[in-house]
C-alpha atoms as a PDB file:
ATOM      1  CA  MET A   1     -15.710  -3.460   3.693  1.00  0.00           C
ATOM      2  CA  ALA A   2     -16.968  -6.302   5.660  1.00  0.00           C
ATOM      3  CA  ASN A   3     -16.226  -8.707   2.688  1.00  0.00           C
ATOM      4  CA  TYR A   4     -12.817  -7.100   1.501  1.00  0.00           C
ATOM      5  CA  GLU A   5     -10.401  -7.970   4.194  1.00  0.00           C
ATOM      6  CA  PRO A   6     -11.750 -11.700   3.999  1.00  0.00           C
ATOM      7  CA  GLY A   7     -11.501 -11.613   0.352  1.00  0.00           C
ATOM      8  CA  ILE A   8      -7.716 -10.227   0.598  1.00  0.00           C
ATOM      9  CA  ALA A   9      -7.074 -13.390   3.391  1.00  0.00           C
ATOM     10  CA  LEU A  10      -8.217 -15.813   0.610  1.00  0.00           C
ATOM     11  CA  PHE A  11      -6.625 -14.256  -1.945  1.00  0.00           C
ATOM     12  CA  GLU A  12      -3.124 -14.658  -0.180  1.00  0.00           C
ATOM     13  CA  THR A  13      -3.505 -18.196   1.026  1.00  0.00           C
ATOM     14  CA  GLY A  14      -4.524 -19.339  -2.440  1.00  0.00           C
ATOM     15  CA  ASP A  15      -8.163 -19.578  -2.668  1.00  0.00           C
ATOM     16  CA  GLY A  16      -8.959 -17.580  -5.362  1.00  0.00           C
ATOM     17  CA  LYS A  17     -12.312 -18.736  -6.475  1.00  0.00           C
ATOM     18  CA  ALA A  18     -13.782 -17.849  -2.816  1.00  0.00           C
ATOM     19  CA  ALA A  19     -11.730 -14.586  -3.041  1.00  0.00           C
ATOM     20  CA  THR A  20     -13.568 -13.813  -5.675  1.00  0.00           C
ATOM     21  CA  GLY A  21     -16.982 -13.773  -4.532  1.00  0.00           C
ATOM     22  CA  HIS A  22     -15.808 -11.518  -1.910  1.00  0.00           C
ATOM     23  CA  PHE A  23     -14.604  -8.949  -4.216  1.00  0.00           C
ATOM     24  CA  GLU A  24     -17.285  -8.979  -6.388  1.00  0.00           C
ATOM     25  CA  ILE A  25     -19.469  -8.191  -4.015  1.00  0.00           C
ATOM     26  CA  VAL A  26     -17.338  -5.097  -2.777  1.00  0.00           C
ATOM     27  CA  ALA A  27     -17.055  -4.386  -6.267  1.00  0.00           C
ATOM     28  CA  SER A  28     -20.513  -4.047  -6.807  1.00  0.00           C
ATOM     29  CA  LYS A  29     -21.432  -2.135  -3.513  1.00  0.00           C
ATOM     30  CA  MET A  30     -18.446   0.287  -3.747  1.00  0.00           C
ATOM     31  CA  PRO A  31     -17.885   0.535  -7.795  1.00  0.00           C
ATOM     32  CA  LYS A  32     -15.792   3.894  -7.278  1.00  0.00           C
ATOM     33  CA  PHE A  33     -13.371   1.930  -4.572  1.00  0.00           C
ATOM     34  CA  ALA A  34     -10.015   1.343  -6.820  1.00  0.00           C
ATOM     35  CA  ASP A  35      -8.522  -0.738  -4.733  1.00  0.00           C
ATOM     36  CA  ALA A  36     -11.523  -3.430  -4.591  1.00  0.00           C
ATOM     37  CA  ARG A  37     -11.667  -3.125  -8.554  1.00  0.00           C
ATOM     38  CA  PHE A  38      -7.707  -3.643  -8.539  1.00  0.00           C
ATOM     39  CA  SER A  39      -8.399  -6.872  -6.203  1.00  0.00           C
ATOM     40  CA  LEU A  40     -11.338  -8.285  -8.105  1.00  0.00           C
ATOM     41  CA  GLY A  41      -8.764  -7.654 -11.219  1.00  0.00           C
ATOM     42  CA  SER A  42      -5.967  -9.847  -9.524  1.00  0.00           C
ATOM     43  CA  VAL A  43      -8.100 -12.781  -8.286  1.00  0.00           C
ATOM     44  CA  TYR A  44      -9.634 -12.668 -11.776  1.00  0.00           C
ATOM     45  CA  ALA A  45      -5.948 -12.844 -13.389  1.00  0.00           C
ATOM     46  CA  ARG A  46      -5.244 -15.523 -10.930  1.00  0.00           C
ATOM     47  CA  ILE A  47      -8.114 -17.954 -11.779  1.00  0.00           C
ATOM     48  CA  ASP A  48      -7.325 -17.623 -15.631  1.00  0.00           C
ATOM     49  CA  ARG A  49     -10.135 -14.937 -16.048  1.00  0.00           C
ATOM     50  CA  VAL A  50      -7.845 -12.898 -17.786  1.00  0.00           C
ATOM     51  CA  GLY A  51     -10.343 -10.946 -20.072  1.00  0.00           C
ATOM     52  CA  GLU A  52     -12.281  -9.960 -16.869  1.00  0.00           C
ATOM     53  CA  ALA A  53      -9.149  -9.080 -15.110  1.00  0.00           C
ATOM     54  CA  VAL A  54      -8.169  -6.487 -17.957  1.00  0.00           C
ATOM     55  CA  THR A  55     -11.697  -4.704 -17.318  1.00  0.00           C
ATOM     56  CA  GLU A  56     -11.181  -4.508 -13.618  1.00  0.00           C
ATOM     57  CA  LEU A  57      -7.819  -3.413 -13.998  1.00  0.00           C
ATOM     58  CA  LYS A  58      -8.969  -0.446 -16.229  1.00  0.00           C
ATOM     59  CA  ALA A  59     -11.849   0.477 -14.150  1.00  0.00           C
ATOM     60  CA  ALA A  60      -9.347   0.925 -11.125  1.00  0.00           C
ATOM     61  CA  LEU A  61      -7.204   3.039 -13.533  1.00  0.00           C
ATOM     62  CA  GLU A  62      -9.882   5.015 -14.397  1.00  0.00           C
ATOM     63  CA  LEU A  63     -10.699   5.494 -10.973  1.00  0.00           C
ATOM     64  CA  GLU A  64      -7.420   6.215  -9.972  1.00  0.00           C
ATOM     65  CA  PRO A  65      -4.805   6.999 -12.938  1.00  0.00           C
ATOM     66  CA  ARG A  66      -1.762   6.689 -10.309  1.00  0.00           C
ATOM     67  CA  HIS A  67      -2.871   3.082  -8.679  1.00  0.00           C
ATOM     68  CA  ASP A  68       0.856   1.652  -8.918  1.00  0.00           C
ATOM     69  CA  ARG A  69      -0.504  -2.171  -8.439  1.00  0.00           C
ATOM     70  CA  ALA A  70      -2.886  -1.834 -10.844  1.00  0.00           C
ATOM     71  CA  ASN A  71      -0.830  -0.474 -13.994  1.00  0.00           C
ATOM     72  CA  LEU A  72       1.886  -2.882 -12.820  1.00  0.00           C
ATOM     73  CA  LEU A  73      -0.428  -5.864 -13.103  1.00  0.00           C
ATOM     74  CA  LEU A  74      -2.063  -4.454 -16.328  1.00  0.00           C
ATOM     75  CA  GLY A  75       1.023  -4.221 -17.779  1.00  0.00           C
ATOM     76  CA  ARG A  76       2.778  -7.502 -16.923  1.00  0.00           C
ATOM     77  CA  ILE A  77      -0.742  -9.209 -18.435  1.00  0.00           C
ATOM     78  CA  ARG A  78      -0.466  -7.485 -21.352  1.00  0.00           C
ATOM     79  CA  THR A  79       3.646  -7.605 -22.086  1.00  0.00           C
ATOM     80  CA  GLY A  80       5.025 -10.530 -19.847  1.00  0.00           C
ATOM     81  CA  PRO A  81       6.070 -13.994 -20.929  1.00  0.00           C
ATOM     82  CA  GLY A  82       3.020 -15.773 -22.412  1.00  0.00           C
ATOM     83  CA  ALA A  83       1.251 -12.183 -22.825  1.00  0.00           C
ATOM     84  CA  ALA A  84      -2.831 -12.678 -22.417  1.00  0.00           C
ATOM     85  CA  ALA A  85      -4.905 -14.007 -25.384  1.00  0.00           C
ATOM     86  CA  PRO A  86      -6.298 -11.189 -28.014  1.00  0.00           C
ATOM     87  CA  GLN A  87      -9.986 -11.369 -26.351  1.00  0.00           C
ATOM     88  CA  ALA A  88      -8.660  -9.987 -23.108  1.00  0.00           C
ATOM     89  CA  LEU A  89      -7.032  -7.046 -24.918  1.00  0.00           C
ATOM     90  CA  ALA A  90      -9.830  -6.149 -27.179  1.00  0.00           C
ATOM     91  CA  GLY A  91     -10.002  -2.408 -27.543  1.00  0.00           C
ATOM     92  CA  SER A  92      -6.391  -2.117 -27.030  1.00  0.00           C
ATOM     93  CA  ALA A  93      -3.208  -1.519 -29.145  1.00  0.00           C
ATOM     94  CA  GLU A  94      -1.616  -4.627 -28.391  1.00  0.00           C
ATOM     95  CA  GLY A  95      -4.540  -6.755 -28.999  1.00  0.00           C
ATOM     96  CA  GLY A  96      -3.798 -10.016 -30.836  1.00  0.00           C
ATOM     97  CA  LYS A  97      -0.075  -9.729 -31.139  1.00  0.00           C
ATOM     98  CA  ARG A  98       1.053 -12.528 -28.942  1.00  0.00           C
ATOM     99  CA  GLY A  99      -2.151 -14.593 -28.695  1.00  0.00           C
ATOM    100  CA  ARG A 100      -0.762 -16.612 -25.922  1.00  0.00           C
ATOM    101  CA  PRO A 101      -2.398 -17.296 -22.630  1.00  0.00           C
ATOM    102  CA  LEU A 102      -0.246 -16.811 -19.496  1.00  0.00           C
ATOM    103  CA  THR A 103       1.834 -19.873 -18.446  1.00  0.00           C
ATOM    104  CA  SER A 104       1.445 -20.833 -15.201  1.00  0.00           C
ATOM    105  CA  SER A 105       5.250 -19.976 -14.191  1.00  0.00           C
ATOM    106  CA  ALA A 106       4.489 -16.730 -15.414  1.00  0.00           C
ATOM    107  CA  ARG A 107       1.422 -15.706 -13.582  1.00  0.00           C
ATOM    108  CA  THR A 108       3.143 -17.406 -10.533  1.00  0.00           C
ATOM    109  CA  HIS A 109       5.927 -15.544 -10.877  1.00  0.00           C
ATOM    110  CA  ALA A 110       3.823 -11.861 -11.413  1.00  0.00           C
ATOM    111  CA  PHE A 111       1.922 -12.543  -8.390  1.00  0.00           C
ATOM    112  CA  ARG A 112       4.677 -13.436  -6.317  1.00  0.00           C
ATOM    113  CA  ARG A 113       6.026 -10.167  -6.839  1.00  0.00           C
ATOM    114  CA  HIS A 114       2.439  -8.532  -6.833  1.00  0.00           C
ATOM    115  CA  ARG A 115       1.587 -10.167  -2.931  1.00  0.00           C
ATOM    116  CA  CYS A 116       4.813  -8.188  -1.842  1.00  0.00           C
ATOM    117  CA  ALA A 117       4.140  -4.999  -3.002  1.00  0.00           C
ATOM    118  CA  HIS A 118       1.169  -4.815  -0.515  1.00  0.00           C
ATOM    119  CA  ARG A 119       2.242  -2.409   2.054  1.00  0.00           C
ATOM    120  CA  ARG A 120       1.634  -4.757   5.032  1.00  0.00           C
ATOM    121  CA  CYS A 121       3.945  -7.305   2.968  1.00  0.00           C
ATOM    122  CA  ARG A 122       6.573  -4.773   3.092  1.00  0.00           C
ATOM    123  CA  PRO A 123       9.586  -4.795   5.976  1.00  0.00           C
ATOM    124  CA  GLY A 124       8.660  -2.629   8.603  1.00  0.00           C
ATOM    125  CA  GLY A 125       4.955  -1.846   7.107  1.00  0.00           C
END
């Protein structure tokens, strides 16, 4: 857990590349920690590693099928404006239907809303 909190702080300040290293360490040491897999998927999506983001989000959902934030982000990646490229959706029913990478504005919109979903970001949380 020593790397998880710094990863969160870096992610929230916009330093996705630095946060990636922290989350990769946590996910490798604790592969059954759904929040670590979700956080790694989130940061991958933010830095345009969409295929890896989908993989991590699916892993989080295998561990915890009712993980709301993972379900929400995966749904946004798959169906949002400028949905993910086909290689990111390989093996899914939606693969190849849209074939466009997420636009910068669509990613920003999805992650702005995502960050506010954290318990610590909510009023009174």
